């Protein structure tokens, strides 16, 4: 994962939020795990659709480091690893739903490409 040469100067809580949710993948992962509960890596990858393995692994590492996603590995053959939201990760869902509601005011939905969790999301009523 990328390591900056200088420590970021965070002066506002919103700056920390930008760090936590930078890029399009992290919020999508949180929404998928919120809808599905617990998923294995391959299941999560399938739900994400258009993400590379490197990007998914990097985003998951960041979410785990920020205590938004929990990683549970089992001593089995073949190895099994599952991902789920932590309490902290679940607590951000009302914020993401409000953000979806605001974004929907300026977005014309393409229902052919709507993701499964978005079809079930009540962001229009959030």
N, C-alpha and C. Protein backbone atom coordinates (compact mmCIF):
# COMPACT_ATOMS: atom_id res chain seq x y z
N UNK A 1 0.85 -1.17 0.00
CA UNK A 1 0.00 0.00 0.00
C UNK A 1 0.90 1.24 0.00
N UNK A 2 0.44 2.27 -0.66
CA UNK A 2 1.18 3.52 -0.78
C UNK A 2 1.43 4.15 0.59
N UNK A 3 2.66 4.55 0.85
CA UNK A 3 3.02 5.23 2.08
C UNK A 3 3.53 6.63 1.75
N UNK A 4 2.83 7.67 2.17
CA UNK A 4 3.27 9.04 1.87
C UNK A 4 4.58 9.37 2.59
N UNK A 5 5.35 10.26 1.98
CA UNK A 5 6.63 10.66 2.56
C UNK A 5 6.44 11.61 3.73
N UNK A 6 5.38 12.40 3.68
CA UNK A 6 5.11 13.35 4.77
C UNK A 6 3.79 12.97 5.44
N UNK A 7 3.73 13.16 6.74
CA UNK A 7 2.49 12.91 7.46
C UNK A 7 1.47 13.97 7.08
N UNK A 8 0.24 13.54 6.86
CA UNK A 8 -0.82 14.44 6.44
C UNK A 8 -1.21 15.36 7.59
N UNK A 9 -1.38 16.63 7.28
CA UNK A 9 -1.77 17.63 8.27
C UNK A 9 -3.30 17.71 8.29
N UNK A 10 -3.91 17.02 9.25
CA UNK A 10 -5.37 16.99 9.33
C UNK A 10 -5.81 18.03 10.35
N UNK A 11 -6.56 19.01 9.87
CA UNK A 11 -7.02 20.10 10.75
C UNK A 11 -8.53 20.11 10.95
N UNK A 12 -9.21 19.27 10.20
CA UNK A 12 -10.67 19.25 10.25
C UNK A 12 -11.12 17.79 10.20
N UNK A 13 -12.18 17.42 10.91
CA UNK A 13 -12.67 16.04 10.86
C UNK A 13 -13.01 15.60 9.42
N UNK A 14 -13.43 16.53 8.60
CA UNK A 14 -13.76 16.19 7.23
C UNK A 14 -12.53 15.72 6.45
N UNK A 15 -11.35 16.24 6.80
CA UNK A 15 -10.11 15.78 6.18
C UNK A 15 -9.90 14.29 6.46
N UNK A 16 -10.19 13.88 7.69
CA UNK A 16 -10.07 12.45 8.05
C UNK A 16 -11.07 11.63 7.26
N UNK A 17 -12.27 12.15 7.08
CA UNK A 17 -13.28 11.46 6.28
C UNK A 17 -12.83 11.26 4.85
N UNK A 18 -12.19 12.27 4.28
CA UNK A 18 -11.66 12.14 2.92
C UNK A 18 -10.61 11.04 2.85
N UNK A 19 -9.78 10.94 3.87
CA UNK A 19 -8.78 9.87 3.91
C UNK A 19 -9.44 8.49 4.00
N UNK A 20 -10.45 8.38 4.86
CA UNK A 20 -11.11 7.09 5.05
C UNK A 20 -11.83 6.61 3.80
N UNK A 21 -12.44 7.52 3.07
CA UNK A 21 -13.31 7.12 1.95
C UNK A 21 -12.80 7.57 0.60
N UNK A 22 -11.50 7.82 0.48
CA UNK A 22 -10.98 8.27 -0.80
C UNK A 22 -11.12 7.17 -1.85
N UNK A 23 -11.44 7.57 -3.06
CA UNK A 23 -11.63 6.62 -4.14
C UNK A 23 -13.04 6.07 -4.15
N UNK A 24 -13.37 5.38 -5.23
CA UNK A 24 -14.74 4.87 -5.35
C UNK A 24 -14.94 3.50 -4.72
N UNK A 25 -13.86 2.80 -4.42
CA UNK A 25 -14.00 1.41 -4.01
C UNK A 25 -14.41 1.23 -2.56
N UNK A 26 -13.89 2.03 -1.66
CA UNK A 26 -14.12 1.81 -0.23
C UNK A 26 -15.60 1.93 0.14
N UNK A 27 -16.26 2.94 -0.35
CA UNK A 27 -17.68 3.10 -0.01
C UNK A 27 -18.51 1.99 -0.65
N UNK A 28 -18.11 1.55 -1.83
CA UNK A 28 -18.83 0.46 -2.49
C UNK A 28 -18.68 -0.83 -1.68
N UNK A 29 -17.48 -1.10 -1.18
CA UNK A 29 -17.24 -2.29 -0.36
C UNK A 29 -18.10 -2.23 0.91
N UNK A 30 -18.14 -1.07 1.55
CA UNK A 30 -18.93 -0.91 2.77
C UNK A 30 -20.40 -1.18 2.48
N UNK A 31 -20.92 -0.63 1.41
CA UNK A 31 -22.34 -0.84 1.06
C UNK A 31 -22.63 -2.31 0.76
N UNK A 32 -21.74 -2.97 0.04
CA UNK A 32 -21.94 -4.39 -0.28
C UNK A 32 -21.93 -5.23 0.99
N UNK A 33 -20.96 -5.00 1.87
CA UNK A 33 -20.89 -5.77 3.11
C UNK A 33 -22.07 -5.46 4.03
N UNK A 34 -22.55 -4.23 3.99
CA UNK A 34 -23.73 -3.88 4.79
C UNK A 34 -24.95 -4.68 4.31
N UNK A 35 -25.09 -4.82 3.02
CA UNK A 35 -26.23 -5.53 2.44
C UNK A 35 -26.09 -7.05 2.63
N UNK A 36 -24.88 -7.57 2.40
CA UNK A 36 -24.67 -9.02 2.38
C UNK A 36 -24.33 -9.60 3.74
N UNK A 37 -23.77 -8.81 4.62
CA UNK A 37 -23.34 -9.32 5.92
C UNK A 37 -21.88 -9.74 5.88
N UNK A 38 -21.64 -11.02 5.67
CA UNK A 38 -20.29 -11.57 5.62
C UNK A 38 -20.06 -12.20 4.26
N UNK A 39 -18.92 -11.88 3.65
CA UNK A 39 -18.59 -12.43 2.34
C UNK A 39 -17.15 -12.91 2.31
N UNK A 40 -16.91 -13.94 1.52
CA UNK A 40 -15.55 -14.36 1.24
C UNK A 40 -15.00 -13.44 0.16
N UNK A 41 -13.67 -13.45 0.00
CA UNK A 41 -13.01 -12.56 -0.96
C UNK A 41 -13.60 -12.73 -2.36
N UNK A 42 -13.75 -13.98 -2.82
CA UNK A 42 -14.25 -14.22 -4.18
C UNK A 42 -15.69 -13.73 -4.35
N UNK A 43 -16.50 -13.86 -3.31
CA UNK A 43 -17.88 -13.38 -3.37
C UNK A 43 -17.90 -11.85 -3.44
N UNK A 44 -17.06 -11.22 -2.64
CA UNK A 44 -16.96 -9.76 -2.65
C UNK A 44 -16.47 -9.28 -4.01
N UNK A 45 -15.49 -9.95 -4.56
CA UNK A 45 -14.94 -9.60 -5.87
C UNK A 45 -16.02 -9.68 -6.94
N UNK A 46 -16.84 -10.72 -6.87
CA UNK A 46 -17.93 -10.89 -7.83
C UNK A 46 -18.97 -9.77 -7.69
N UNK A 47 -19.29 -9.40 -6.47
CA UNK A 47 -20.25 -8.31 -6.23
C UNK A 47 -19.72 -6.97 -6.72
N UNK A 48 -18.42 -6.76 -6.59
CA UNK A 48 -17.82 -5.48 -6.99
C UNK A 48 -17.86 -5.28 -8.50
N UNK A 49 -17.72 -6.36 -9.23
CA UNK A 49 -17.80 -6.25 -10.69
C UNK A 49 -16.51 -5.80 -11.33
N UNK A 50 -16.33 -4.52 -11.49
CA UNK A 50 -15.25 -3.97 -12.32
C UNK A 50 -14.03 -3.52 -11.51
N UNK A 51 -13.55 -4.35 -10.60
CA UNK A 51 -12.39 -4.01 -9.79
C UNK A 51 -11.32 -5.07 -9.99
N UNK A 52 -10.07 -4.65 -10.00
CA UNK A 52 -8.97 -5.61 -10.10
C UNK A 52 -8.68 -6.20 -8.74
N UNK A 53 -8.01 -7.34 -8.73
CA UNK A 53 -7.65 -7.98 -7.46
C UNK A 53 -6.73 -7.07 -6.64
N UNK A 54 -5.81 -6.40 -7.31
CA UNK A 54 -4.88 -5.51 -6.60
C UNK A 54 -5.63 -4.36 -5.93
N UNK A 55 -6.59 -3.76 -6.62
CA UNK A 55 -7.35 -2.65 -6.04
C UNK A 55 -8.24 -3.13 -4.89
N UNK A 56 -8.86 -4.30 -5.05
CA UNK A 56 -9.71 -4.83 -3.98
C UNK A 56 -8.88 -5.14 -2.75
N UNK A 57 -7.75 -5.79 -2.94
CA UNK A 57 -6.88 -6.12 -1.81
C UNK A 57 -6.40 -4.85 -1.11
N UNK A 58 -6.02 -3.85 -1.87
CA UNK A 58 -5.55 -2.59 -1.29
C UNK A 58 -6.66 -1.88 -0.52
N UNK A 59 -7.85 -1.81 -1.11
CA UNK A 59 -8.98 -1.16 -0.44
C UNK A 59 -9.35 -1.90 0.84
N UNK A 60 -9.36 -3.24 0.80
CA UNK A 60 -9.67 -4.01 1.99
C UNK A 60 -8.64 -3.79 3.09
N UNK A 61 -7.36 -3.75 2.72
CA UNK A 61 -6.31 -3.49 3.71
C UNK A 61 -6.51 -2.14 4.39
N UNK A 62 -6.87 -1.14 3.60
CA UNK A 62 -7.11 0.18 4.17
C UNK A 62 -8.31 0.19 5.10
N UNK A 63 -9.39 -0.47 4.69
CA UNK A 63 -10.60 -0.52 5.52
C UNK A 63 -10.36 -1.31 6.81
N UNK A 64 -9.56 -2.36 6.72
CA UNK A 64 -9.23 -3.15 7.91
C UNK A 64 -8.35 -2.31 8.84
N UNK A 65 -7.37 -1.61 8.28
CA UNK A 65 -6.49 -0.77 9.09
C UNK A 65 -7.26 0.34 9.80
N UNK A 66 -8.33 0.84 9.17
CA UNK A 66 -9.14 1.90 9.77
C UNK A 66 -10.27 1.34 10.64
N UNK A 67 -10.29 0.02 10.85
CA UNK A 67 -11.27 -0.66 11.69
C UNK A 67 -12.70 -0.48 11.19
N UNK A 68 -12.88 -0.43 9.87
CA UNK A 68 -14.21 -0.37 9.29
C UNK A 68 -14.67 -1.75 8.83
N UNK A 69 -13.71 -2.60 8.49
CA UNK A 69 -14.00 -3.96 8.04
C UNK A 69 -13.19 -4.94 8.89
N UNK A 70 -13.83 -6.06 9.23
CA UNK A 70 -13.16 -7.13 9.97
C UNK A 70 -12.81 -8.27 9.02
N UNK A 71 -11.62 -8.82 9.22
CA UNK A 71 -11.16 -9.97 8.43
C UNK A 71 -11.04 -11.16 9.37
N UNK A 72 -11.76 -12.22 9.05
CA UNK A 72 -11.73 -13.43 9.88
C UNK A 72 -11.17 -14.57 9.02
N UNK A 73 -10.04 -15.13 9.44
CA UNK A 73 -9.47 -16.26 8.71
C UNK A 73 -9.66 -17.52 9.54
N UNK A 74 -9.89 -18.63 8.84
CA UNK A 74 -10.13 -19.91 9.50
C UNK A 74 -9.03 -20.88 9.11
N UNK A 75 -8.58 -21.68 10.08
CA UNK A 75 -7.56 -22.70 9.84
C UNK A 75 -8.22 -23.92 9.22
N UNK A 76 -8.43 -23.86 7.93
CA UNK A 76 -9.06 -24.95 7.20
C UNK A 76 -8.27 -25.19 5.93
N UNK A 77 -8.52 -26.34 5.33
CA UNK A 77 -7.94 -26.63 4.03
C UNK A 77 -9.13 -26.85 3.10
N UNK A 78 -9.31 -26.07 2.07
CA UNK A 78 -8.54 -24.88 1.70
C UNK A 78 -8.82 -23.73 2.67
N UNK A 79 -7.90 -22.78 2.74
CA UNK A 79 -8.07 -21.65 3.66
C UNK A 79 -9.35 -20.86 3.35
N UNK A 80 -9.97 -20.38 4.40
CA UNK A 80 -11.19 -19.59 4.24
C UNK A 80 -11.01 -18.27 4.97
N UNK A 81 -11.30 -17.18 4.27
CA UNK A 81 -11.23 -15.83 4.85
C UNK A 81 -12.55 -15.14 4.57
N UNK A 82 -13.11 -14.51 5.60
CA UNK A 82 -14.38 -13.80 5.44
C UNK A 82 -14.22 -12.35 5.89
N UNK A 83 -14.98 -11.49 5.24
CA UNK A 83 -14.96 -10.06 5.54
C UNK A 83 -16.36 -9.62 5.94
N UNK A 84 -16.41 -8.74 6.94
CA UNK A 84 -17.69 -8.18 7.39
C UNK A 84 -17.43 -6.79 7.94
N UNK A 85 -18.49 -6.02 8.10
CA UNK A 85 -18.36 -4.69 8.68
C UNK A 85 -18.19 -4.77 10.18
N UNK A 86 -17.38 -3.90 10.71
CA UNK A 86 -17.27 -3.76 12.16
C UNK A 86 -18.41 -2.85 12.61
N UNK A 87 -18.52 -2.65 13.89
CA UNK A 87 -19.53 -1.71 14.41
C UNK A 87 -19.27 -0.30 13.87
N UNK A 88 -17.99 0.06 13.83
CA UNK A 88 -17.61 1.37 13.29
C UNK A 88 -17.99 1.47 11.81
N UNK A 89 -17.78 0.39 11.06
CA UNK A 89 -18.14 0.37 9.64
C UNK A 89 -19.64 0.49 9.43
N UNK A 90 -20.41 -0.20 10.25
CA UNK A 90 -21.87 -0.12 10.15
C UNK A 90 -22.38 1.27 10.51
N UNK A 91 -21.68 1.94 11.41
CA UNK A 91 -22.15 3.25 11.86
C UNK A 91 -22.06 4.32 10.77
N UNK A 92 -21.31 4.06 9.72
CA UNK A 92 -21.17 5.06 8.65
C UNK A 92 -22.30 4.94 7.61
N UNK A 93 -23.10 3.89 7.67
CA UNK A 93 -24.14 3.69 6.66
C UNK A 93 -25.16 4.84 6.59
N UNK A 94 -25.62 5.41 7.70
CA UNK A 94 -26.54 6.54 7.57
C UNK A 94 -25.91 7.71 6.80
N UNK A 95 -24.62 7.93 7.00
CA UNK A 95 -23.92 9.00 6.28
C UNK A 95 -23.88 8.68 4.80
N UNK A 96 -23.53 7.44 4.46
CA UNK A 96 -23.45 7.05 3.05
C UNK A 96 -24.82 7.12 2.38
N UNK A 97 -25.87 6.75 3.11
CA UNK A 97 -27.22 6.83 2.54
C UNK A 97 -27.62 8.28 2.29
N UNK A 98 -27.27 9.16 3.22
CA UNK A 98 -27.55 10.59 3.00
C UNK A 98 -26.78 11.11 1.79
N UNK A 99 -25.54 10.67 1.66
CA UNK A 99 -24.72 11.08 0.52
C UNK A 99 -25.34 10.56 -0.79
N UNK A 100 -25.81 9.32 -0.78
CA UNK A 100 -26.48 8.75 -1.96
C UNK A 100 -27.72 9.57 -2.32
N UNK A 101 -28.48 9.93 -1.29
CA UNK A 101 -29.69 10.72 -1.53
C UNK A 101 -29.33 12.05 -2.18
N UNK A 102 -28.31 12.72 -1.67
CA UNK A 102 -27.89 14.00 -2.22
C UNK A 102 -27.39 13.81 -3.66
N UNK A 103 -26.57 12.79 -3.87
CA UNK A 103 -26.03 12.54 -5.22
C UNK A 103 -27.13 12.19 -6.21
N UNK A 104 -28.19 11.51 -5.74
CA UNK A 104 -29.26 11.11 -6.65
C UNK A 104 -30.01 12.31 -7.22
N UNK A 105 -29.92 13.44 -6.56
CA UNK A 105 -30.56 14.64 -7.07
C UNK A 105 -29.94 15.09 -8.39
N UNK A 106 -28.68 14.71 -8.62
CA UNK A 106 -27.94 15.16 -9.79
C UNK A 106 -27.52 14.02 -10.70
N UNK A 107 -28.09 12.84 -10.48
CA UNK A 107 -27.69 11.66 -11.22
C UNK A 107 -28.90 11.03 -11.86
N UNK A 108 -28.81 10.80 -13.15
CA UNK A 108 -29.89 10.09 -13.85
C UNK A 108 -29.57 8.61 -13.79
N UNK A 109 -30.44 7.85 -13.14
CA UNK A 109 -30.17 6.44 -12.92
C UNK A 109 -30.16 5.65 -14.21
N UNK A 110 -29.19 4.76 -14.31
CA UNK A 110 -29.11 3.80 -15.40
C UNK A 110 -29.45 2.46 -14.78
N UNK A 111 -30.72 2.07 -14.83
CA UNK A 111 -31.17 0.89 -14.10
C UNK A 111 -30.56 -0.40 -14.62
N UNK A 112 -30.04 -0.40 -15.84
CA UNK A 112 -29.39 -1.60 -16.37
C UNK A 112 -28.08 -1.88 -15.63
N UNK A 113 -27.41 -0.85 -15.16
CA UNK A 113 -26.12 -1.02 -14.50
C UNK A 113 -26.18 -0.81 -13.00
N UNK A 114 -27.36 -0.72 -12.43
CA UNK A 114 -27.49 -0.52 -10.99
C UNK A 114 -27.03 -1.77 -10.26
N UNK A 115 -26.20 -1.57 -9.25
CA UNK A 115 -25.68 -2.71 -8.48
C UNK A 115 -26.78 -3.27 -7.58
N UNK A 116 -26.66 -4.54 -7.24
CA UNK A 116 -27.68 -5.23 -6.47
C UNK A 116 -27.99 -4.53 -5.16
N UNK A 117 -26.95 -4.12 -4.41
CA UNK A 117 -27.21 -3.47 -3.12
C UNK A 117 -27.87 -2.11 -3.31
N UNK A 118 -27.62 -1.46 -4.45
CA UNK A 118 -28.27 -0.17 -4.72
C UNK A 118 -29.75 -0.36 -5.01
N UNK A 119 -30.11 -1.49 -5.61
CA UNK A 119 -31.51 -1.77 -5.90
C UNK A 119 -32.30 -1.95 -4.61
N UNK A 120 -31.63 -2.42 -3.55
CA UNK A 120 -32.29 -2.63 -2.27
C UNK A 120 -32.15 -1.45 -1.32
N UNK A 121 -31.26 -0.51 -1.67
CA UNK A 121 -30.99 0.63 -0.80
C UNK A 121 -32.17 1.59 -0.77
N UNK A 122 -32.46 2.10 0.38
CA UNK A 122 -33.57 3.05 0.50
C UNK A 122 -33.06 4.48 0.51
N UNK A 123 -32.00 4.76 -0.25
CA UNK A 123 -31.38 6.09 -0.22
C UNK A 123 -32.36 7.18 -0.63
N UNK A 124 -33.36 6.84 -1.43
CA UNK A 124 -34.32 7.87 -1.84
C UNK A 124 -35.19 8.32 -0.68
N UNK A 125 -35.27 7.46 0.34
CA UNK A 125 -36.06 7.79 1.52
C UNK A 125 -35.18 8.12 2.73
N UNK A 126 -33.87 8.15 2.51
CA UNK A 126 -32.96 8.36 3.64
C UNK A 126 -33.06 9.76 4.21
